Protein backbone atom coordinates (compact mmCIF):
# COMPACT_ATOMS: atom_id res chain seq x y z
CA MET A 1 129.95 97.54 99.83
CA LYS A 2 127.01 97.53 102.10
CA THR A 3 124.98 100.12 100.26
CA ARG A 4 125.39 97.55 97.10
CA LEU A 5 124.26 94.63 99.29
CA THR A 6 121.43 96.45 100.60
CA GLY A 7 120.50 97.74 96.95
CA VAL A 8 120.71 94.17 95.86
CA SER A 9 118.32 93.16 98.60
CA PHE A 10 115.88 95.76 97.69
CA GLY A 11 115.98 94.55 94.16
CA LEU A 12 115.43 90.93 94.96
CA ALA A 13 112.53 91.85 97.24
CA LEU A 14 110.99 93.79 94.62
CA ALA A 15 111.40 91.26 92.28
CA ALA A 16 109.70 88.80 94.32
CA ALA A 17 106.97 91.27 94.96
CA ILE A 18 106.29 91.53 91.24
CA PHE A 19 106.56 87.87 90.69
CA LEU A 20 104.08 87.16 93.37
CA LEU A 21 101.58 89.78 92.05
CA VAL A 22 101.82 88.68 88.37
CA TRP A 23 102.51 85.04 88.20
CA PRO A 24 99.62 82.73 88.49
CA ILE A 25 100.61 80.87 91.55
CA TYR A 26 97.23 79.61 92.27
CA SER A 27 95.83 76.39 90.45
CA GLY A 28 92.83 74.47 90.73
CA PHE A 29 90.07 72.75 88.50
CA ASN A 30 86.91 74.62 87.63
CA GLY A 31 84.66 71.45 86.61
CA ASN A 32 87.12 69.69 84.24
CA ARG A 33 88.95 72.77 83.07
CA PRO A 34 92.06 73.84 84.99
CA ARG A 35 91.96 77.39 86.47
CA HIS A 36 95.09 79.59 87.39
CA ALA A 37 94.90 82.72 89.04
CA THR A 38 97.25 85.29 90.67
CA LEU A 39 97.65 86.46 94.09
CA LEU A 40 95.73 89.52 93.64
CA GLN A 41 92.78 87.72 91.83
CA VAL A 42 92.56 85.38 94.62
CA ASN A 43 92.91 87.64 97.63
CA GLY A 44 92.28 91.17 96.13
CA PRO A 45 94.00 94.46 96.95
CA TYR A 46 94.60 93.19 100.68
CA ALA A 47 97.39 91.04 99.37
CA LEU A 48 99.70 94.25 98.49
CA ILE A 49 100.16 94.64 102.32
CA PRO A 50 101.97 91.47 103.04
CA VAL A 51 103.62 91.31 99.72
CA MET A 52 105.10 94.79 99.96
CA PHE A 53 106.13 94.76 103.60
CA PRO A 54 109.85 93.23 102.77
CA VAL A 55 110.12 95.68 99.83
CA LEU A 56 109.42 98.86 102.14
CA ALA A 57 111.76 97.37 104.93
CA THR A 58 114.55 97.15 102.48
CA LEU A 59 113.75 100.63 100.94
CA ILE A 60 113.84 102.33 104.15
CA ALA A 61 117.21 100.66 104.84
CA LEU A 62 118.52 101.66 101.50
CA LEU A 63 117.38 105.34 101.87
CA LEU A 64 118.48 105.88 105.62
CA ARG A 65 121.81 104.14 105.13
CA LYS A 66 122.29 103.60 109.11
CA GLN A 67 123.67 100.31 110.48
CA ARG A 68 120.94 100.15 112.99
CA VAL A 69 118.29 100.34 110.27
CA ARG A 70 119.84 97.67 108.40
CA ILE A 71 119.92 95.29 111.47
CA VAL A 72 116.31 96.06 112.04
CA ALA A 73 115.24 95.52 108.33
CA THR A 74 117.36 92.16 108.83
CA ILE A 75 115.07 91.06 111.63
CA LEU A 76 111.97 92.12 109.86
CA ILE A 77 112.57 90.47 106.72
CA GLY A 78 114.11 87.41 108.18
CA GLY A 79 111.16 86.95 110.59
CA PHE A 80 108.65 87.58 107.74
CA ALA A 81 110.61 84.91 105.71
CA LEU A 82 110.50 82.44 108.59
CA ILE A 83 106.75 83.05 109.74
CA GLY A 84 105.61 83.04 105.96
CA GLY A 85 107.91 80.19 104.83
CA PHE A 86 104.96 78.16 103.92
CA THR A 87 103.42 80.59 101.74
CA ILE A 88 105.12 83.84 100.33
CA GLY A 89 107.92 83.94 102.95
CA LEU A 90 110.50 81.80 101.07
CA PHE A 91 110.30 84.06 97.99
CA TYR A 92 111.88 86.84 100.12
CA LEU A 93 114.81 84.58 101.81
CA PRO A 94 117.38 85.84 99.35
CA ALA A 95 116.51 89.41 100.14
CA ALA A 96 116.64 88.46 103.70
CA ILE A 97 120.19 86.89 103.28
CA LEU A 98 121.68 89.72 101.69
CA MET A 99 120.36 92.24 104.19
CA LEU A 100 121.95 90.14 106.86
CA LEU A 101 125.34 90.38 104.92
CA ALA A 102 124.76 94.09 104.59
CA SER A 103 124.17 94.49 108.22
CA CYS A 104 127.48 92.47 108.90
CA VAL A 105 129.79 94.07 106.39
CA ALA A 106 130.27 97.38 108.31
CA ASP A 107 131.56 95.76 111.47
CA SER A 108 133.83 93.41 109.73
CA ALA A 109 135.30 96.08 107.31
CA LYS A 110 136.14 98.21 110.56
CA LEU A 111 137.85 95.18 112.05
CA ARG A 112 139.82 94.57 108.90
CA ASP A 113 140.91 98.25 108.56
CA GLY A 114 142.15 98.13 112.25
CA PHE A 115 144.75 95.46 111.42
CA PRO A 116 147.78 96.13 109.30
């Protein structure tokens, strides 16, 4: 169960990254004509670093499958979503929530198995 939640968290982080890189999220006016641009067009290749950070954190948690790694990934993605909340951070909030659930499932499953 925890591996599935981690995998879904990775999928959501990857979907958010693809959306942010491809969808024109900037808009403005060039004279009288509206102008729309993607994150890469406005910020250049530097934008890949913050966009791919949550994806990398969830990928490491998915590959290593350790409880400690999931907890660290939860803290990193949650902090990223909180700090970057007014820009791109909110796009990664669903991935952070699922990673939090994945890091909590192992402990609750062990408790549940201990009781008849």
